Amino acid sequence: MPDDPVNRPKSTREDAVTLLKRLRDAGHMAYFAGGCVRDMLLGREPKDFDVATDAPPNRVRELFSNSQAVGAAFGVILVRLRGSQIEVATFRAEDRYLDGRHPSHVRFTTAEEDAKRRDFTINGLFLDPLNDEVIDYVGGQEDLKAGRIRAIGNPTRRFDEDSLRLLRAVRFSARFGFPIEPATAAAIVEHAPQLKRISPERVAEELRIMLTPPTRGTAWRMLWELELLPVIFRFLRGPREPRRQSRPLLFDRVDPGAAIPFGLALAAAVLCFRMRTEPQVSDARMLLTKSEIQAAVHAMRQGLKVSNEESEQMRGTLAGVAPLLADQPPGVALLKRFLAEPTANLSRALLDAQHAVGVETQRIDWLRKELDALERTDFAPPPLINGDILTGLGLVPGPLFKKILDEVYDAQLEGRVGTREEAERMALDLARSAGA
């Protein structure tokens, strides 16, 4: 099967019905298929409307000139109609899966066979929108009414075919609030090691989808209960959580606010934080060293191929928390530097989550008060001096420059120097003290 289209523009029901009518008028069977049917039956607005038909791919392209073969070998054509892009798939059956993701061969077949090769019953439904008739070969309507996720047919076979379905089951379960029925859940646990067959990029994309919405806490618990998370993050070192937890999950409590979406970078930061500090959460400070943070970020880049932006957000989030919770309370300069970091709000969300689970409450209460007050000031003024000015003072560029500039800027942030002249005098004093 072709990979899911990325950022495909939304299609409308009206355009999809127009396309479907044209297929019908040409003598073909055609239905709405998959997720759009499921969402409509649940009373949700579908993001896209996909069409399944008995028309072969070449015939679909004959009927719709503005089309693209995005997966012709699998019978998938993308049709552009007015403002919509609609995926049209020929009914198919699939041969053996050799790589745990894609079938070695497909053949075009009937609607019933097509339904029975899909992943879960709630995704195996067809709808005739002209007669408002649901075509159900797999018991999907019953499972929708009962509110459960169930694999079509033999769950072992479904997961042997496509290991990404292990994560999709969790995503659908968390999204809809449907439990996974026992046989399907047992097969997920059994097949958890097979996630290693899936590319890191595909796994990361599933995590972005399931760990960013408000239902992320539910998804997180399920990933542990079904023994998937230790496989996904096998490249991270640290103690493993127990399958049952007595304390609330940090994932449940992390909320960066509406202006800052909960992304994979923050999810990864929470994960790394937890893997160092749990399963025994105590009032001991939850710190990661600089080397541990670098190792965790590197592991995420290698293990899930996260983007540069995501890995930098992850690093900044973790690095921002540690000095705030060190044994020595942070001074004004450190707090101002923290506020100037682009990841400050993500770090604060992590601090708030710790507070919510009863860790370091007194320190975090104090930090909130101090940071809120400093936010109302000019906490990130331009430095009074820079490297060029130090060179002009006769100092030789080298490793000492950074140390001098940092100390002078800290003094500026703390109000100990207020003019360029004062900053220059302090820089020269520091240079003389260092023997420069």
Protein backbone atom coordinates (compact mmCIF):
# COMPACT_ATOMS: atom_id res chain seq x y z
CA MET A 1 0.00 0.00 0.00
CA PRO A 2 1.25 3.54 -0.62
CA ASP A 3 2.37 5.67 2.30
CA ASP A 4 -0.21 8.11 3.61
CA PRO A 5 -0.08 11.42 1.70
CA VAL A 6 1.54 14.18 3.70
CA ASN A 7 -0.32 17.48 4.08
CA ARG A 8 -2.88 16.52 1.47
CA PRO A 9 -5.40 19.35 1.03
CA LYS A 10 -8.80 18.70 2.54
CA SER A 11 -11.45 17.36 0.19
CA THR A 12 -15.13 18.19 0.46
CA ARG A 13 -18.08 15.82 0.48
CA GLU A 14 -19.64 17.72 -2.42
CA ASP A 15 -16.60 17.22 -4.65
CA ALA A 16 -16.26 13.57 -3.62
CA VAL A 17 -19.93 12.92 -4.47
CA THR A 18 -19.43 14.54 -7.88
CA LEU A 19 -16.47 12.23 -8.52
CA LEU A 20 -18.39 9.20 -7.32
CA LYS A 21 -21.35 10.00 -9.59
CA ARG A 22 -19.06 10.19 -12.60
CA LEU A 23 -17.70 6.73 -11.80
CA ARG A 24 -21.25 5.41 -11.38
CA ASP A 25 -22.39 7.00 -14.65
CA ALA A 26 -19.50 5.25 -16.39
CA GLY A 27 -20.84 1.90 -15.15
CA HIS A 28 -18.60 1.38 -12.13
CA MET A 29 -19.27 0.61 -8.50
CA ALA A 30 -18.02 3.33 -6.17
CA TYR A 31 -18.34 4.08 -2.44
CA PHE A 32 -16.91 6.35 0.20
CA ALA A 33 -14.37 4.26 2.11
CA GLY A 34 -12.39 4.07 5.33
CA GLY A 35 -11.92 6.89 7.79
CA CYS A 36 -14.46 9.28 6.33
CA VAL A 37 -17.21 6.69 6.76
CA ARG A 38 -16.11 5.99 10.32
CA ASP A 39 -16.05 9.68 11.20
CA MET A 40 -19.46 10.38 9.70
CA LEU A 41 -21.01 7.50 11.63
CA LEU A 42 -19.43 8.92 14.79
CA GLY A 43 -20.90 12.35 14.05
CA ARG A 44 -17.49 13.86 13.28
CA GLU A 45 -16.50 16.02 10.33
CA PRO A 46 -14.15 13.99 8.08
CA LYS A 47 -10.86 15.57 7.11
CA ASP A 48 -10.91 13.90 3.71
CA PHE A 49 -13.28 11.84 1.62
CA ASP A 50 -11.72 8.78 -0.01
CA VAL A 51 -13.41 6.75 -2.71
CA ALA A 52 -13.11 3.00 -3.42
CA THR A 53 -14.20 1.61 -6.77
CA ASP A 54 -14.07 -1.41 -9.06
CA ALA A 55 -12.69 0.79 -11.84
CA PRO A 56 -9.05 -0.12 -12.61
CA PRO A 57 -6.48 2.68 -12.20
CA ASN A 58 -6.15 3.26 -15.95
CA ARG A 59 -9.91 3.67 -16.22
CA VAL A 60 -9.92 6.19 -13.36
CA ARG A 61 -7.29 8.23 -15.18
CA GLU A 62 -9.31 8.09 -18.39
CA LEU A 63 -12.35 9.49 -16.59
CA PHE A 64 -10.41 12.18 -14.72
CA SER A 65 -7.74 13.96 -16.73
CA ASN A 66 -6.53 15.98 -13.76
CA SER A 67 -5.21 13.02 -11.82
CA GLN A 68 -1.94 11.56 -10.58
CA ALA A 69 -0.87 7.96 -10.02
CA VAL A 70 0.40 8.20 -6.43
CA GLY A 71 0.31 4.43 -5.98
CA ALA A 72 -0.67 2.91 -9.29
CA ALA A 73 0.82 -0.48 -8.36
CA PHE A 74 -1.60 -0.53 -5.45
CA GLY A 75 -4.50 0.89 -7.42
CA VAL A 76 -4.39 4.40 -5.93
CA ILE A 77 -5.02 7.51 -8.02
CA LEU A 78 -5.18 11.07 -6.69
CA VAL A 79 -7.87 13.04 -8.51
CA ARG A 80 -7.97 16.84 -8.43
CA LEU A 81 -11.49 18.12 -8.66
CA ARG A 82 -12.23 21.78 -8.15
CA GLY A 83 -10.63 22.61 -4.78
CA SER A 84 -10.29 19.01 -3.62
CA GLN A 85 -7.75 16.24 -3.97
CA ILE A 86 -9.53 12.92 -3.61
CA GLU A 87 -7.84 9.55 -3.26
CA VAL A 88 -9.49 6.94 -5.48
CA ALA A 89 -8.49 3.35 -4.81
CA THR A 90 -9.45 0.26 -6.79
CA PHE A 91 -10.85 -2.59 -4.69
CA ARG A 92 -7.89 -4.86 -4.02
CA ALA A 93 -6.63 -7.94 -2.23
CA GLU A 94 -3.03 -8.20 -1.10
CA ASP A 95 -0.40 -10.93 -1.30
CA ARG A 96 2.26 -11.65 1.31
CA TYR A 97 3.92 -8.76 3.14
CA LEU A 98 7.68 -9.23 2.96
CA ASP A 99 8.89 -6.15 4.87
CA GLY A 100 6.25 -5.71 7.55
CA ARG A 101 4.79 -2.71 5.77
CA HIS A 102 4.03 -3.28 2.07
CA PRO A 103 2.48 -6.21 0.19
CA SER A 104 4.60 -7.95 -2.42
CA HIS A 105 1.71 -7.97 -4.89
CA VAL A 106 -1.91 -6.83 -5.16
CA ARG A 107 -4.78 -7.95 -7.37
CA PHE A 108 -7.94 -6.05 -8.07
CA THR A 109 -11.04 -7.67 -6.64
CA THR A 110 -14.42 -7.13 -4.98
CA ALA A 111 -15.55 -4.65 -2.34
CA GLU A 112 -15.89 -7.46 0.20
CA GLU A 113 -12.32 -8.69 -0.26
CA ASP A 114 -11.09 -5.12 -0.15
CA ALA A 115 -12.82 -4.54 3.18
CA LYS A 116 -11.39 -7.72 4.68
CA ARG A 117 -7.76 -6.81 3.90
CA ARG A 118 -8.00 -3.52 5.90
CA ASP A 119 -6.70 -3.01 9.44
CA PHE A 120 -9.56 -2.45 11.90
CA THR A 121 -13.28 -3.02 11.60
CA ILE A 122 -14.15 0.63 12.19
CA ASN A 123 -11.98 1.49 9.16
CA GLY A 124 -13.38 -1.27 6.94
CA LEU A 125 -16.76 0.30 6.17
CA PHE A 126 -18.11 1.61 2.88
CA LEU A 127 -20.86 4.17 2.38
CA ASP A 128 -23.10 4.78 -0.61
CA PRO A 129 -23.68 8.53 -0.14
CA LEU A 130 -26.38 8.63 -2.81
CA ASN A 131 -28.61 6.23 -0.86
CA ASP A 132 -27.06 6.84 2.57
CA GLU A 133 -26.44 3.09 2.84
CA VAL A 134 -23.57 1.60 4.87
CA ILE A 135 -21.93 -1.49 3.39
CA ASP A 136 -20.38 -3.53 6.21
CA TYR A 137 -18.57 -6.81 5.55
CA VAL A 138 -16.50 -6.81 8.76
CA GLY A 139 -18.77 -5.92 11.68
CA GLY A 140 -17.54 -2.35 11.86
CA GLN A 141 -20.93 -0.83 12.69
CA GLU A 142 -21.32 -3.09 15.70
CA ASP A 143 -17.84 -2.18 16.95
CA LEU A 144 -18.54 1.52 16.46
CA LYS A 145 -21.72 1.23 18.53
CA ALA A 146 -19.91 -0.81 21.19
CA GLY A 147 -16.96 1.58 21.15
CA ARG A 148 -14.06 -0.82 20.60
CA ILE A 149 -11.02 -1.25 18.36
CA ARG A 150 -10.87 -4.70 16.79
CA ALA A 151 -8.64 -6.06 14.04
CA ILE A 152 -10.36 -7.40 10.95
CA GLY A 153 -10.15 -11.18 10.91
CA ASN A 154 -7.12 -12.72 12.58
CA PRO A 155 -5.21 -9.96 14.46
CA THR A 156 -1.95 -11.90 14.27
CA ARG A 157 -2.17 -11.88 10.50
CA ARG A 158 -3.09 -8.18 10.39
CA PHE A 159 -0.04 -7.23 12.46
CA ASP A 160 2.24 -9.63 10.61
CA GLU A 161 1.25 -7.84 7.41
CA ASP A 162 1.87 -4.30 8.61
CA SER A 163 3.64 -3.58 11.90
CA LEU A 164 2.69 0.09 11.79
CA ARG A 165 -0.83 -1.07 12.65
CA LEU A 166 0.42 -1.66 16.19
CA LEU A 167 0.74 2.10 16.64
CA ARG A 168 -2.38 2.90 14.64
CA ALA A 169 -4.43 0.78 17.05
CA VAL A 170 -3.20 2.89 19.96
CA ARG A 171 -3.81 6.12 18.06
CA PHE A 172 -7.41 5.23 17.22
CA SER A 173 -8.07 3.93 20.72
CA ALA A 174 -6.81 7.10 22.38
CA ARG A 175 -8.44 9.41 19.85
CA PHE A 176 -11.90 7.91 20.13
CA GLY A 177 -11.75 6.67 23.70
CA PHE A 178 -12.40 3.10 22.51
CA PRO A 179 -10.69 0.22 24.32
CA ILE A 180 -8.84 -2.35 22.22
CA GLU A 181 -10.65 -5.69 22.37
CA PRO A 182 -8.66 -8.43 24.20
CA ALA A 183 -7.58 -10.60 21.26
CA THR A 184 -6.34 -7.57 19.33
CA ALA A 185 -4.55 -6.20 22.42
CA ALA A 186 -2.86 -9.56 23.08
CA ALA A 187 -1.65 -9.68 19.47
CA ILE A 188 -0.18 -6.18 19.83
CA VAL A 189 1.86 -7.24 22.86
CA GLU A 190 3.01 -10.36 21.02
CA HIS A 191 4.07 -8.40 17.96
CA ALA A 192 5.60 -5.38 19.76
CA PRO A 193 9.21 -6.36 18.84
CA GLN A 194 8.24 -6.16 15.16
CA LEU A 195 8.08 -2.37 15.39
CA LYS A 196 11.81 -2.50 14.74
CA ARG A 197 10.93 -3.30 11.12
CA ILE A 198 9.28 0.09 10.63
CA SER A 199 11.34 3.08 9.49
CA PRO A 200 12.11 5.62 12.23
CA GLU A 201 10.46 8.37 10.20
CA ARG A 202 7.13 6.52 10.08
CA VAL A 203 7.24 5.72 13.78
CA ALA A 204 8.04 9.35 14.60
CA GLU A 205 5.11 10.57 12.50
CA GLU A 206 2.70 8.29 14.37
CA LEU A 207 4.07 9.60 17.66
CA ARG A 208 3.61 13.19 16.53
CA ILE A 209 -0.04 12.44 15.82
CA MET A 210 -0.82 10.57 19.04
CA LEU A 211 1.37 12.36 21.59
CA THR A 212 0.45 15.95 20.76
CA PRO A 213 -3.36 16.17 21.27
CA PRO A 214 -5.08 16.29 24.70
CA THR A 215 -5.48 12.49 24.60
CA ARG A 216 -1.69 12.02 24.70
CA GLY A 217 -1.79 10.77 28.31
CA THR A 218 -4.11 7.95 27.33
CA ALA A 219 -1.92 7.07 24.35
CA TRP A 220 1.17 7.12 26.56
CA ARG A 221 -0.33 4.68 29.08
CA MET A 222 -1.41 2.35 26.30
CA LEU A 223 2.02 2.37 24.69
CA TRP A 224 3.45 1.15 27.99
CA GLU A 225 0.67 -1.30 28.79
CA LEU A 226 0.99 -2.89 25.35
CA GLU A 227 4.80 -3.01 25.70
CA LEU A 228 5.41 -0.80 22.67
CA LEU A 229 7.23 2.15 24.20
CA PRO A 230 10.33 0.21 25.35
CA VAL A 231 10.68 -0.97 21.74
CA ILE A 232 10.14 2.48 20.22
CA PHE A 233 12.65 4.14 22.55
CA ARG A 234 15.03 1.22 22.92
CA PHE A 235 17.93 3.54 22.02
CA LEU A 236 17.41 5.64 25.16
CA ARG A 237 19.14 4.48 28.30
CA GLY A 238 17.46 4.67 31.69
CA PRO A 239 15.22 2.77 34.06
CA ARG A 240 12.02 1.39 32.63
CA GLU A 241 8.73 2.44 34.12
CA PRO A 242 6.46 -0.07 35.79
CA ARG A 243 3.43 -0.99 33.73
CA ARG A 244 1.16 0.36 36.47
CA GLN A 245 1.93 3.76 37.98
CA SER A 246 0.80 5.19 41.29
CA ARG A 247 1.48 8.82 40.35
CA PRO A 248 -0.14 10.83 37.56
CA LEU A 249 1.77 10.90 34.30
CA LEU A 250 3.74 14.03 33.49
CA PHE A 251 2.24 13.78 30.02
CA ASP A 252 -1.17 14.40 31.56
CA ARG A 253 0.08 17.54 33.27
CA VAL A 254 2.26 19.18 30.63
CA ASP A 255 0.37 22.02 28.97
CA PRO A 256 2.44 24.65 27.14
CA GLY A 257 -0.68 26.65 26.33
CA ALA A 258 -2.68 27.17 23.19
CA ALA A 259 -0.02 29.39 21.60
CA ILE A 260 2.61 26.63 21.81
CA PRO A 261 1.47 23.26 20.44
CA PHE A 262 2.55 20.16 22.33
CA GLY A 263 4.98 18.76 19.77
CA LEU A 264 7.26 15.76 19.51
CA ALA A 265 10.17 17.81 20.91
CA LEU A 266 8.35 18.42 24.19
CA ALA A 267 7.07 14.85 24.27
CA ALA A 268 10.63 13.58 23.87
CA ALA A 269 11.86 15.96 26.59
CA VAL A 270 9.20 14.68 28.99
CA LEU A 271 10.11 11.12 28.08
CA CYS A 272 13.83 11.61 28.74
CA PHE A 273 13.09 13.40 31.97
CA ARG A 274 10.90 10.55 33.16
CA MET A 275 13.31 7.84 32.15
CA ARG A 276 15.96 9.34 34.42
CA THR A 277 13.71 10.09 37.39
CA GLU A 278 11.04 7.41 37.40
CA PRO A 279 9.75 4.90 38.42
CA GLN A 280 10.52 6.14 41.93
CA VAL A 281 9.41 9.77 41.80
CA SER A 282 10.44 11.49 45.02
CA ASP A 283 11.15 15.00 46.18
CA ALA A 284 14.74 14.62 44.99
CA ARG A 285 15.54 17.16 42.30
CA MET A 286 14.91 15.90 38.78
CA LEU A 287 18.12 16.90 37.00
CA LEU A 288 19.87 15.87 33.84
CA THR A 289 23.52 16.71 33.29
CA LYS A 290 24.67 18.46 30.13
CA SER A 291 26.24 15.26 28.83
CA GLU A 292 23.06 13.29 29.55
CA ILE A 293 20.99 15.86 27.66
CA GLN A 294 23.35 15.74 24.69
CA ALA A 295 23.25 11.95 24.71
CA ALA A 296 19.45 11.91 24.85
CA VAL A 297 19.12 14.39 21.98
CA HIS A 298 21.63 12.42 19.90
CA ALA A 299 19.73 9.22 20.60
CA MET A 300 16.46 10.79 19.50
CA ARG A 301 18.05 12.05 16.29
CA GLN A 302 19.50 8.64 15.52
CA GLY A 303 16.57 6.55 16.72
CA LEU A 304 13.62 8.51 15.32
CA LYS A 305 15.31 10.84 12.82
CA VAL A 306 13.71 13.90 14.40
CA SER A 307 14.34 17.21 12.66
CA ASN A 308 17.04 19.70 13.66
CA GLU A 309 14.36 22.05 14.95
CA GLU A 310 12.76 19.31 17.07
CA SER A 311 16.06 18.12 18.52
CA GLU A 312 17.08 21.70 19.38
CA GLN A 313 13.73 22.30 21.07
CA MET A 314 14.20 19.10 23.03
CA ARG A 315 17.72 20.10 24.08
CA GLY A 316 16.64 23.60 25.08
CA THR A 317 13.67 22.34 27.06
CA LEU A 318 15.77 19.95 29.13
CA ALA A 319 18.76 22.30 29.48
CA GLY A 320 16.52 25.10 30.71
CA VAL A 321 15.14 23.13 33.64
CA ALA A 322 18.33 21.78 35.22
CA PRO A 323 19.93 25.05 36.48
CA LEU A 324 16.60 26.26 37.87
CA LEU A 325 16.39 23.23 40.15
CA ALA A 326 20.06 23.02 41.15
CA ASP A 327 20.94 23.01 44.86
CA GLN A 328 21.94 26.68 44.66
CA PRO A 329 18.87 28.79 43.75
CA PRO A 330 19.37 30.65 40.45
CA GLY A 331 20.28 34.32 40.49
CA VAL A 332 18.78 37.17 38.52
CA ALA A 333 21.18 36.80 35.59
CA LEU A 334 20.44 33.10 35.15
CA LEU A 335 16.69 33.70 35.34
CA LYS A 336 16.88 36.46 32.74
CA ARG A 337 19.00 34.31 30.46
CA PHE A 338 16.44 31.54 30.86
CA LEU A 339 13.57 33.83 29.84
CA ALA A 340 15.48 34.89 26.73
CA GLU A 341 15.75 31.30 25.48
CA PRO A 342 13.27 30.36 22.68
CA THR A 343 12.36 27.20 24.61
CA ALA A 344 11.64 28.96 27.92
CA ASN A 345 7.90 28.36 27.70
CA LEU A 346 8.44 24.66 27.01
CA SER A 347 10.76 24.37 30.00
CA ARG A 348 8.21 26.18 32.15
CA ALA A 349 5.52 23.76 31.02
CA LEU A 350 7.73 20.91 32.20
CA LEU A 351 8.30 22.68 35.53
CA ASP A 352 4.56 23.18 35.94
CA ALA A 353 3.99 19.48 35.28
CA GLN A 354 6.49 18.57 38.00
CA HIS A 355 4.70 20.90 40.38
CA ALA A 356 1.39 19.25 39.51
CA VAL A 357 2.70 15.81 40.51
CA GLY A 358 4.12 17.14 43.77
CA VAL A 359 7.81 17.46 42.91
CA GLU A 360 9.83 20.53 43.98
CA THR A 361 6.67 22.52 44.71
CA GLN A 362 8.31 25.14 46.94
CA ARG A 363 11.15 25.83 44.51
CA ILE A 364 8.79 26.01 41.54
CA ASP A 365 6.40 28.34 43.41
CA TRP A 366 9.35 30.64 44.02
CA LEU A 367 10.50 30.37 40.40
CA ARG A 368 7.04 31.23 39.10
CA LYS A 369 6.97 34.39 41.21
CA GLU A 370 10.45 35.48 40.17
CA LEU A 371 10.00 34.71 36.47
CA ASP A 372 6.62 36.45 36.32
CA ALA A 373 8.17 39.59 37.82
CA LEU A 374 11.19 39.53 35.51
CA GLU A 375 9.00 39.08 32.44
CA ARG A 376 7.70 42.58 33.04
CA THR A 377 11.22 44.00 32.73
CA ASP A 378 13.74 44.35 29.92
CA PHE A 379 15.17 40.91 30.65
CA ALA A 380 17.18 40.56 27.41
CA PRO A 381 18.94 43.90 26.74
CA PRO A 382 21.67 44.10 24.08
CA PRO A 383 25.12 43.43 25.59
CA LEU A 384 27.08 46.56 26.41
CA ILE A 385 30.25 45.10 24.90
CA ASN A 386 31.17 42.44 22.34
CA GLY A 387 34.24 40.70 20.94
CA ASP A 388 35.16 43.60 18.68
CA ILE A 389 35.21 45.96 21.63
CA LEU A 390 37.45 43.58 23.59
CA THR A 391 39.84 43.46 20.63
CA GLY A 392 39.80 47.27 20.53
CA LEU A 393 40.80 47.27 24.19
CA GLY A 394 43.95 45.36 23.20
CA LEU A 395 42.85 41.88 24.28
CA VAL A 396 43.83 38.92 22.12
CA PRO A 397 40.87 36.82 20.85
CA GLY A 398 40.69 33.36 22.38
CA PRO A 399 38.78 31.11 24.77
CA LEU A 400 38.92 33.81 27.48
CA PHE A 401 36.70 36.12 25.39
CA LYS A 402 33.57 34.08 26.03
CA LYS A 403 34.20 33.87 29.75
CA ILE A 404 34.73 37.63 29.98
CA LEU A 405 31.70 38.46 27.85
CA ASP A 406 29.49 36.09 29.86
CA GLU A 407 30.58 37.51 33.20
CA VAL A 408 30.17 41.10 32.05
CA TYR A 409 26.73 40.37 30.61
CA ASP A 410 25.68 38.69 33.86
CA ALA A 411 26.77 41.82 35.71
CA GLN A 412 24.74 43.91 33.26
CA LEU A 413 21.66 41.73 33.78
CA GLU A 414 22.07 42.04 37.55
CA GLY A 415 22.50 45.83 37.38
CA ARG A 416 26.12 45.81 38.59
CA VAL A 417 27.24 47.58 35.40
CA GLY A 418 25.09 50.04 33.49
CA THR A 419 27.29 51.73 30.91
CA ARG A 420 29.74 50.68 28.24
CA GLU A 421 32.57 52.32 30.17
CA GLU A 422 31.76 50.31 33.30
CA ALA A 423 31.54 47.14 31.22
CA GLU A 424 34.94 47.83 29.60
CA ARG A 425 36.57 48.41 33.00
CA MET A 426 35.15 45.14 34.31
CA ALA A 427 36.36 43.28 31.22
CA LEU A 428 39.90 44.62 31.65
CA ASP A 429 39.87 43.71 35.35
CA LEU A 430 38.78 40.16 34.49
CA ALA A 431 41.49 39.91 31.83
CA ARG A 432 44.16 41.07 34.27
CA SER A 433 42.93 38.60 36.89
CA ALA A 434 43.26 35.82 34.32
CA GLY A 435 46.78 36.93 33.45
CA ALA A 436 45.84 38.07 29.94
